[in-house]
């Protein structure tokens, strides 16, 4: 795979700015054409790079500012009026 693998690796590591080069250079860097990939090329890339999917990340949601403010005000109110 030699040079082809190195070029694709550079693209994977984002060392090639595909947004700011002519379209023909993009195809050259990606080793593809306007018609897309052959089945064999697609299978090779799948073996190298894996499936094109995003990693799922757990998101920790914080209470909104309104909820925090409301809880604070309830606490202050309770302190002021609990004799």
PDB file of N, CA and C in Angstrom:
ATOM      1  N   UNK A   1       0.833  -1.190   0.000  1.00  0.00           N
ATOM      2  CA  UNK A   1       0.000   0.000   0.000  1.00  0.00           C
ATOM      3  C   UNK A   1       0.877   1.253   0.000  1.00  0.00           C
ATOM      4  N   UNK A   2       2.052   1.229   0.596  1.00  0.00           N
ATOM      5  CA  UNK A   2       3.086   2.239   0.499  1.00  0.00           C
ATOM      6  C   UNK A   2       2.613   3.672   0.504  1.00  0.00           C
ATOM      7  N   UNK A   3       2.843   4.387  -0.633  1.00  0.00           N
ATOM      8  CA  UNK A   3       2.518   5.804  -0.743  1.00  0.00           C
ATOM      9  C   UNK A   3       1.022   6.071  -0.581  1.00  0.00           C
ATOM     10  N   UNK A   4       0.204   5.176  -1.108  1.00  0.00           N
ATOM     11  CA  UNK A   4      -1.248   5.349  -0.993  1.00  0.00           C
ATOM     12  C   UNK A   4      -1.670   5.354   0.476  1.00  0.00           C
ATOM     13  N   UNK A   5      -1.140   4.408   1.246  1.00  0.00           N
ATOM     14  CA  UNK A   5      -1.462   4.346   2.670  1.00  0.00           C
ATOM     15  C   UNK A   5      -0.972   5.561   3.416  1.00  0.00           C
ATOM     16  N   UNK A   6       0.211   6.065   3.051  1.00  0.00           N
ATOM     17  CA  UNK A   6       0.762   7.250   3.707  1.00  0.00           C
ATOM     18  C   UNK A   6      -0.093   8.476   3.424  1.00  0.00           C
ATOM     19  N   UNK A   7      -0.566   8.629   2.182  1.00  0.00           N
ATOM     20  CA  UNK A   7      -1.407   9.768   1.826  1.00  0.00           C
ATOM     21  C   UNK A   7      -2.725   9.713   2.576  1.00  0.00           C
ATOM     22  N   UNK A   8      -3.349   8.549   2.602  1.00  0.00           N
ATOM     23  CA  UNK A   8      -4.612   8.408   3.334  1.00  0.00           C
ATOM     24  C   UNK A   8      -4.407   8.624   4.817  1.00  0.00           C
ATOM     25  N   UNK A   9      -3.262   8.192   5.337  1.00  0.00           N
ATOM     26  CA  UNK A   9      -2.957   8.404   6.747  1.00  0.00           C
ATOM     27  C   UNK A   9      -2.834   9.900   7.034  1.00  0.00           C
ATOM     28  N   UNK A  10      -2.224  10.659   6.114  1.00  0.00           N
ATOM     29  CA  UNK A  10      -2.103  12.107   6.282  1.00  0.00           C
ATOM     30  C   UNK A  10      -3.475  12.762   6.305  1.00  0.00           C
ATOM     31  N   UNK A  11      -4.374  12.270   5.456  1.00  0.00           N
ATOM     32  CA  UNK A  11      -5.741  12.800   5.444  1.00  0.00           C
ATOM     33  C   UNK A  11      -6.424  12.467   6.760  1.00  0.00           C
ATOM     34  N   UNK A  12      -6.262  11.233   7.233  1.00  0.00           N
ATOM     35  CA  UNK A  12      -6.872  10.818   8.490  1.00  0.00           C
ATOM     36  C   UNK A  12      -6.386  11.679   9.645  1.00  0.00           C
ATOM     37  N   UNK A  13      -5.100  12.019   9.641  1.00  0.00           N
ATOM     38  CA  UNK A  13      -4.524  12.841  10.714  1.00  0.00           C
ATOM     39  C   UNK A  13      -4.747  14.335  10.482  1.00  0.00           C
ATOM     40  N   UNK A  14      -5.484  14.660   9.414  1.00  0.00           N
ATOM     41  CA  UNK A  14      -5.852  16.030   9.092  1.00  0.00           C
ATOM     42  C   UNK A  14      -4.648  16.934   8.838  1.00  0.00           C
ATOM     43  N   UNK A  15      -3.589  16.383   8.222  1.00  0.00           N
ATOM     44  CA  UNK A  15      -2.450  17.213   7.848  1.00  0.00           C
ATOM     45  C   UNK A  15      -2.641  17.791   6.454  1.00  0.00           C
ATOM     46  N   UNK A  16      -3.696  17.360   5.761  1.00  0.00           N
ATOM     47  CA  UNK A  16      -4.025  17.880   4.438  1.00  0.00           C
ATOM     48  C   UNK A  16      -5.288  18.712   4.572  1.00  0.00           C
ATOM     49  N   UNK A  17      -5.227  19.962   4.126  1.00  0.00           N
ATOM     50  CA  UNK A  17      -6.376  20.866   4.221  1.00  0.00           C
ATOM     51  C   UNK A  17      -7.240  20.703   2.982  1.00  0.00           C
ATOM     52  N   UNK A  18      -8.167  19.753   3.021  1.00  0.00           N
ATOM     53  CA  UNK A  18      -8.978  19.428   1.848  1.00  0.00           C
ATOM     54  C   UNK A  18      -9.944  20.536   1.460  1.00  0.00           C
ATOM     55  N   UNK A  19     -10.247  21.439   2.366  1.00  0.00           N
ATOM     56  CA  UNK A  19     -11.206  22.504   2.067  1.00  0.00           C
ATOM     57  C   UNK A  19     -10.608  23.614   1.227  1.00  0.00           C
ATOM     58  N   UNK A  20      -9.286  23.725   1.230  1.00  0.00           N
ATOM     59  CA  UNK A  20      -8.663  24.868   0.567  1.00  0.00           C
ATOM     60  C   UNK A  20      -7.731  24.487  -0.574  1.00  0.00           C
ATOM     61  N   UNK A  21      -7.923  23.316  -1.139  1.00  0.00           N
ATOM     62  CA  UNK A  21      -7.128  22.924  -2.308  1.00  0.00           C
ATOM     63  C   UNK A  21      -8.075  22.609  -3.454  1.00  0.00           C
ATOM     64  N   UNK A  22      -7.593  22.686  -4.688  1.00  0.00           N
ATOM     65  CA  UNK A  22      -8.461  22.396  -5.843  1.00  0.00           C
ATOM     66  C   UNK A  22      -9.042  20.984  -5.764  1.00  0.00           C
ATOM     67  N   UNK A  23     -10.234  20.815  -6.325  1.00  0.00           N
ATOM     68  CA  UNK A  23     -10.968  19.552  -6.219  1.00  0.00           C
ATOM     69  C   UNK A  23     -10.176  18.379  -6.779  1.00  0.00           C
ATOM     70  N   UNK A  24      -9.428  18.599  -7.849  1.00  0.00           N
ATOM     71  CA  UNK A  24      -8.639  17.505  -8.421  1.00  0.00           C
ATOM     72  C   UNK A  24      -7.558  17.046  -7.450  1.00  0.00           C
ATOM     73  N   UNK A  25      -6.987  17.980  -6.672  1.00  0.00           N
ATOM     74  CA  UNK A  25      -6.001  17.602  -5.655  1.00  0.00           C
ATOM     75  C   UNK A  25      -6.666  16.845  -4.509  1.00  0.00           C
ATOM     76  N   UNK A  26      -7.901  17.194  -4.204  1.00  0.00           N
ATOM     77  CA  UNK A  26      -8.643  16.461  -3.171  1.00  0.00           C
ATOM     78  C   UNK A  26      -8.785  15.005  -3.588  1.00  0.00           C
ATOM     79  N   UNK A  27      -9.232  14.784  -4.834  1.00  0.00           N
ATOM     80  CA  UNK A  27      -9.378  13.413  -5.333  1.00  0.00           C
ATOM     81  C   UNK A  27      -8.046  12.689  -5.324  1.00  0.00           C
ATOM     82  N   UNK A  28      -6.985  13.405  -5.703  1.00  0.00           N
ATOM     83  CA  UNK A  28      -5.649  12.796  -5.720  1.00  0.00           C
ATOM     84  C   UNK A  28      -5.218  12.405  -4.308  1.00  0.00           C
ATOM     85  N   UNK A  29      -5.419  13.301  -3.348  1.00  0.00           N
ATOM     86  CA  UNK A  29      -5.049  13.013  -1.962  1.00  0.00           C
ATOM     87  C   UNK A  29      -5.866  11.871  -1.378  1.00  0.00           C
ATOM     88  N   UNK A  30      -7.131  11.810  -1.744  1.00  0.00           N
ATOM     89  CA  UNK A  30      -8.003  10.760  -1.219  1.00  0.00           C
ATOM     90  C   UNK A  30      -7.926   9.474  -2.037  1.00  0.00           C
ATOM     91  N   UNK A  31      -7.170   9.512  -3.130  1.00  0.00           N
ATOM     92  CA  UNK A  31      -7.030   8.353  -4.021  1.00  0.00           C
ATOM     93  C   UNK A  31      -8.393   7.834  -4.463  1.00  0.00           C
ATOM     94  N   UNK A  32      -9.203   8.761  -4.985  1.00  0.00           N
ATOM     95  CA  UNK A  32     -10.522   8.400  -5.502  1.00  0.00           C
ATOM     96  C   UNK A  32     -10.821   9.276  -6.713  1.00  0.00           C
ATOM     97  N   UNK A  33     -12.006   9.163  -7.251  1.00  0.00           N
ATOM     98  CA  UNK A  33     -12.399   9.969  -8.397  1.00  0.00           C
ATOM     99  C   UNK A  33     -13.807  10.497  -8.170  1.00  0.00           C
ATOM    100  N   UNK A  34     -14.286  11.278  -9.121  1.00  0.00           N
ATOM    101  CA  UNK A  34     -15.647  11.807  -9.024  1.00  0.00           C
ATOM    102  C   UNK A  34     -16.680  10.683  -9.007  1.00  0.00           C
ATOM    103  N   UNK A  35     -16.329   9.560  -9.579  1.00  0.00           N
ATOM    104  CA  UNK A  35     -17.245   8.419  -9.631  1.00  0.00           C
ATOM    105  C   UNK A  35     -17.293   7.650  -8.312  1.00  0.00           C
ATOM    106  N   UNK A  36     -16.364   7.926  -7.412  1.00  0.00           N
ATOM    107  CA  UNK A  36     -16.339   7.234  -6.122  1.00  0.00           C
ATOM    108  C   UNK A  36     -15.286   6.152  -6.081  1.00  0.00           C
ATOM    109  N   UNK A  37     -15.439   5.211  -5.171  1.00  0.00           N
ATOM    110  CA  UNK A  37     -14.481   4.125  -4.977  1.00  0.00           C
ATOM    111  C   UNK A  37     -14.983   2.847  -5.623  1.00  0.00           C
ATOM    112  N   UNK A  38     -14.035   2.007  -5.993  1.00  0.00           N
ATOM    113  CA  UNK A  38     -14.413   0.664  -6.421  1.00  0.00           C
ATOM    114  C   UNK A  38     -14.761  -0.132  -5.181  1.00  0.00           C
ATOM    115  N   UNK A  39     -15.427  -1.238  -5.360  1.00  0.00           N
ATOM    116  CA  UNK A  39     -15.772  -2.098  -4.227  1.00  0.00           C
ATOM    117  C   UNK A  39     -14.514  -2.548  -3.504  1.00  0.00           C
ATOM    118  N   UNK A  40     -13.493  -2.894  -4.269  1.00  0.00           N
ATOM    119  CA  UNK A  40     -12.233  -3.353  -3.664  1.00  0.00           C
ATOM    120  C   UNK A  40     -11.587  -2.235  -2.843  1.00  0.00           C
ATOM    121  N   UNK A  41     -11.545  -1.015  -3.392  1.00  0.00           N
ATOM    122  CA  UNK A  41     -10.952   0.111  -2.667  1.00  0.00           C
ATOM    123  C   UNK A  41     -11.744   0.414  -1.397  1.00  0.00           C
ATOM    124  N   UNK A  42     -13.072   0.327  -1.484  1.00  0.00           N
ATOM    125  CA  UNK A  42     -13.910   0.576  -0.312  1.00  0.00           C
ATOM    126  C   UNK A  42     -13.649  -0.467   0.771  1.00  0.00           C
ATOM    127  N   UNK A  43     -13.504  -1.728   0.372  1.00  0.00           N
ATOM    128  CA  UNK A  43     -13.222  -2.792   1.345  1.00  0.00           C
ATOM    129  C   UNK A  43     -11.851  -2.596   1.985  1.00  0.00           C
ATOM    130  N   UNK A  44     -10.855  -2.161   1.197  1.00  0.00           N
ATOM    131  CA  UNK A  44      -9.522  -1.905   1.751  1.00  0.00           C
ATOM    132  C   UNK A  44      -9.580  -0.789   2.788  1.00  0.00           C
ATOM    133  N   UNK A  45     -10.301   0.274   2.460  1.00  0.00           N
ATOM    134  CA  UNK A  45     -10.393   1.401   3.401  1.00  0.00           C
ATOM    135  C   UNK A  45     -11.182   1.028   4.652  1.00  0.00           C
ATOM    136  N   UNK A  46     -12.183   0.210   4.485  1.00  0.00           N
ATOM    137  CA  UNK A  46     -12.935  -0.255   5.644  1.00  0.00           C
ATOM    138  C   UNK A  46     -12.024  -1.042   6.573  1.00  0.00           C
ATOM    139  N   UNK A  47     -11.151  -1.860   5.988  1.00  0.00           N
ATOM    140  CA  UNK A  47     -10.202  -2.636   6.792  1.00  0.00           C
ATOM    141  C   UNK A  47      -9.187  -1.727   7.495  1.00  0.00           C
ATOM    142  N   UNK A  48      -8.780  -0.650   6.819  1.00  0.00           N
ATOM    143  CA  UNK A  48      -7.777   0.261   7.391  1.00  0.00           C
ATOM    144  C   UNK A  48      -8.392   1.186   8.434  1.00  0.00           C
ATOM    145  N   UNK A  49      -9.485   1.850   8.065  1.00  0.00           N
ATOM    146  CA  UNK A  49     -10.037   2.917   8.896  1.00  0.00           C
ATOM    147  C   UNK A  49     -11.236   2.515   9.736  1.00  0.00           C
ATOM    148  N   UNK A  50     -11.862   1.395   9.412  1.00  0.00           N
ATOM    149  CA  UNK A  50     -13.053   0.983  10.148  1.00  0.00           C
ATOM    150  C   UNK A  50     -14.281   1.695   9.630  1.00  0.00           C
ATOM    151  N   UNK A  51     -15.402   1.465  10.302  1.00  0.00           N
ATOM    152  CA  UNK A  51     -16.673   2.057   9.892  1.00  0.00           C
ATOM    153  C   UNK A  51     -16.673   3.559  10.144  1.00  0.00           C
ATOM    154  N   UNK A  52     -17.392   4.275   9.322  1.00  0.00           N
ATOM    155  CA  UNK A  52     -17.511   5.724   9.436  1.00  0.00           C
ATOM    156  C   UNK A  52     -18.655   6.039  10.405  1.00  0.00           C
ATOM    157  N   UNK A  53     -18.336   6.063  11.685  1.00  0.00           N
ATOM    158  CA  UNK A  53     -19.369   6.367  12.668  1.00  0.00           C
ATOM    159  C   UNK A  53     -18.770   7.196  13.794  1.00  0.00           C
ATOM    160  N   UNK A  54     -19.617   7.972  14.402  1.00  0.00           N
ATOM    161  CA  UNK A  54     -19.187   8.811  15.513  1.00  0.00           C
ATOM    162  C   UNK A  54     -19.186   8.008  16.801  1.00  0.00           C
ATOM    163  N   UNK A  55     -18.249   8.335  17.674  1.00  0.00           N
ATOM    164  CA  UNK A  55     -18.221   7.695  18.978  1.00  0.00           C
ATOM    165  C   UNK A  55     -19.316   8.302  19.843  1.00  0.00           C
ATOM    166  N   UNK A  56     -19.980   7.448  20.601  1.00  0.00           N
ATOM    167  CA  UNK A  56     -20.994   7.949  21.515  1.00  0.00           C
ATOM    168  C   UNK A  56     -20.318   8.384  22.809  1.00  0.00           C
ATOM    169  N   UNK A  57     -20.676   9.552  23.265  1.00  0.00           N
ATOM    170  CA  UNK A  57     -20.115  10.071  24.503  1.00  0.00           C
ATOM    171  C   UNK A  57     -21.259  10.368  25.459  1.00  0.00           C
ATOM    172  N   UNK A  58     -21.039  10.070  26.730  1.00  0.00           N
ATOM    173  CA  UNK A  58     -22.049  10.394  27.730  1.00  0.00           C
ATOM    174  C   UNK A  58     -21.993  11.898  27.997  1.00  0.00           C
ATOM    175  N   UNK A  59     -23.145  12.499  28.043  1.00  0.00           N
ATOM    176  CA  UNK A  59     -23.243  13.929  28.272  1.00  0.00           C
ATOM    177  C   UNK A  59     -23.806  14.144  29.670  1.00  0.00           C
ATOM    178  N   UNK A  60     -23.088  14.922  30.450  1.00  0.00           N
ATOM    179  CA  UNK A  60     -23.562  15.254  31.788  1.00  0.00           C
ATOM    180  C   UNK A  60     -24.287  16.586  31.683  1.00  0.00           C
ATOM    181  N   UNK A  61     -25.578  16.557  31.944  1.00  0.00           N
ATOM    182  CA  UNK A  61     -26.373  17.772  31.862  1.00  0.00           C
ATOM    183  C   UNK A  61     -26.437  18.450  33.223  1.00  0.00           C
ATOM    184  N   UNK A  62     -26.123  19.703  33.228  1.00  0.00           N
ATOM    185  CA  UNK A  62     -26.200  20.478  34.456  1.00  0.00           C
ATOM    186  C   UNK A  62     -27.559  21.147  34.540  1.00  0.00           C
ATOM    187  N   UNK A  63     -28.050  21.354  35.764  1.00  0.00           N
ATOM    188  CA  UNK A  63     -29.331  22.051  35.886  1.00  0.00           C
ATOM    189  C   UNK A  63     -29.227  23.439  35.266  1.00  0.00           C
ATOM    190  N   UNK A  64     -30.315  23.913  34.752  1.00  0.00           N
ATOM    191  CA  UNK A  64     -30.293  25.240  34.130  1.00  0.00           C
ATOM    192  C   UNK A  64     -30.085  26.311  35.197  1.00  0.00           C
ATOM    193  N   UNK A  65     -29.701  27.459  34.752  1.00  0.00           N
ATOM    194  CA  UNK A  65     -29.463  28.572  35.664  1.00  0.00           C
ATOM    195  C   UNK A  65     -30.722  28.925  36.444  1.00  0.00           C
ATOM    196  N   UNK A  66     -31.876  28.822  35.795  1.00  0.00           N
ATOM    197  CA  UNK A  66     -33.134  29.142  36.478  1.00  0.00           C
ATOM    198  C   UNK A  66     -33.370  28.198  37.649  1.00  0.00           C
ATOM    199  N   UNK A  67     -33.092  26.922  37.450  1.00  0.00           N
ATOM    200  CA  UNK A  67     -33.301  25.940  38.517  1.00  0.00           C
ATOM    201  C   UNK A  67     -32.346  26.216  39.666  1.00  0.00           C
ATOM    202  N   UNK A  68     -31.112  26.508  39.363  1.00  0.00           N
ATOM    203  CA  UNK A  68     -30.125  26.807  40.409  1.00  0.00           C
ATOM    204  C   UNK A  68     -30.544  28.061  41.172  1.00  0.00           C
ATOM    205  N   UNK A  69     -30.949  29.092  40.452  1.00  0.00           N
ATOM    206  CA  UNK A  69     -31.372  30.330  41.102  1.00  0.00           C
ATOM    207  C   UNK A  69     -32.610  30.091  41.967  1.00  0.00           C
ATOM    208  N   UNK A  70     -33.556  29.335  41.439  1.00  0.00           N
ATOM    209  CA  UNK A  70     -34.767  29.029  42.201  1.00  0.00           C
ATOM    210  C   UNK A  70     -34.415  28.270  43.477  1.00  0.00           C
ATOM    211  N   UNK A  71     -33.566  27.263  43.390  1.00  0.00           N
ATOM    212  CA  UNK A  71     -33.160  26.504  44.573  1.00  0.00           C
ATOM    213  C   UNK A  71     -32.472  27.409  45.591  1.00  0.00           C
ATOM    214  N   UNK A  72     -31.636  28.318  45.124  1.00  0.00           N
ATOM    215  CA  UNK A  72     -30.955  29.255  46.018  1.00  0.00           C
ATOM    216  C   UNK A  72     -31.964  30.155  46.728  1.00  0.00           C
ATOM    217  N   UNK A  73     -32.906  30.686  45.968  1.00  0.00           N
ATOM    218  CA  UNK A  73     -33.902  31.573  46.570  1.00  0.00           C
ATOM    219  C   UNK A  73     -34.790  30.842  47.572  1.00  0.00           C
ATOM    220  N   UNK A  74     -35.156  29.615  47.293  1.00  0.00           N
ATOM    221  CA  UNK A  74     -35.942  28.815  48.234  1.00  0.00           C
ATOM    222  C   UNK A  74     -35.137  28.600  49.508  1.00  0.00           C
ATOM    223  N   UNK A  75     -33.872  28.305  49.367  1.00  0.00           N
ATOM    224  CA  UNK A  75     -33.010  28.096  50.533  1.00  0.00           C
ATOM    225  C   UNK A  75     -32.915  29.375  51.378  1.00  0.00           C
ATOM    226  N   UNK A  76     -32.692  30.512  50.723  1.00  0.00           N
ATOM    227  CA  UNK A  76     -32.607  31.792  51.438  1.00  0.00           C
ATOM    228  C   UNK A  76     -33.941  32.113  52.102  1.00  0.00           C
ATOM    229  N   UNK A  77     -35.044  31.911  51.398  1.00  0.00           N
ATOM    230  CA  UNK A  77     -36.370  32.169  51.953  1.00  0.00           C
ATOM    231  C   UNK A  77     -36.593  31.311  53.199  1.00  0.00           C
ATOM    232  N   UNK A  78     -36.245  30.034  53.115  1.00  0.00           N
ATOM    233  CA  UNK A  78     -36.414  29.139  54.257  1.00  0.00           C
ATOM    234  C   UNK A  78     -35.558  29.563  55.438  1.00  0.00           C
ATOM    235  N   UNK A  79     -34.358  30.049  55.170  1.00  0.00           N
ATOM    236  CA  UNK A  79     -33.485  30.501  56.252  1.00  0.00           C
ATOM    237  C   UNK A  79     -34.061  31.745  56.930  1.00  0.00           C
ATOM    238  N   UNK A  80     -34.617  32.649  56.137  1.00  0.00           N
ATOM    239  CA  UNK A  80     -35.124  33.927  56.649  1.00  0.00           C
ATOM    240  C   UNK A  80     -36.425  33.747  57.440  1.00  0.00           C
ATOM    241  N   UNK A  81     -37.258  32.809  57.029  1.00  0.00           N
ATOM    242  CA  UNK A  81     -38.576  32.719  57.636  1.00  0.00           C
ATOM    243  C   UNK A  81     -38.802  31.442  58.457  1.00  0.00           C
ATOM    244  N   UNK A  82     -37.762  30.764  58.797  1.00  0.00           N
ATOM    245  CA  UNK A  82     -37.941  29.572  59.652  1.00  0.00           C
ATOM    246  C   UNK A  82     -37.455  29.910  61.063  1.00  0.00           C
ATOM    247  N   UNK A  83     -38.406  30.267  61.918  1.00  0.00           N
ATOM    248  CA  UNK A  83     -38.033  30.603  63.312  1.00  0.00           C
ATOM    249  C   UNK A  83     -38.324  29.462  64.188  1.00  0.00           C
TER     250      UNK A  83
END
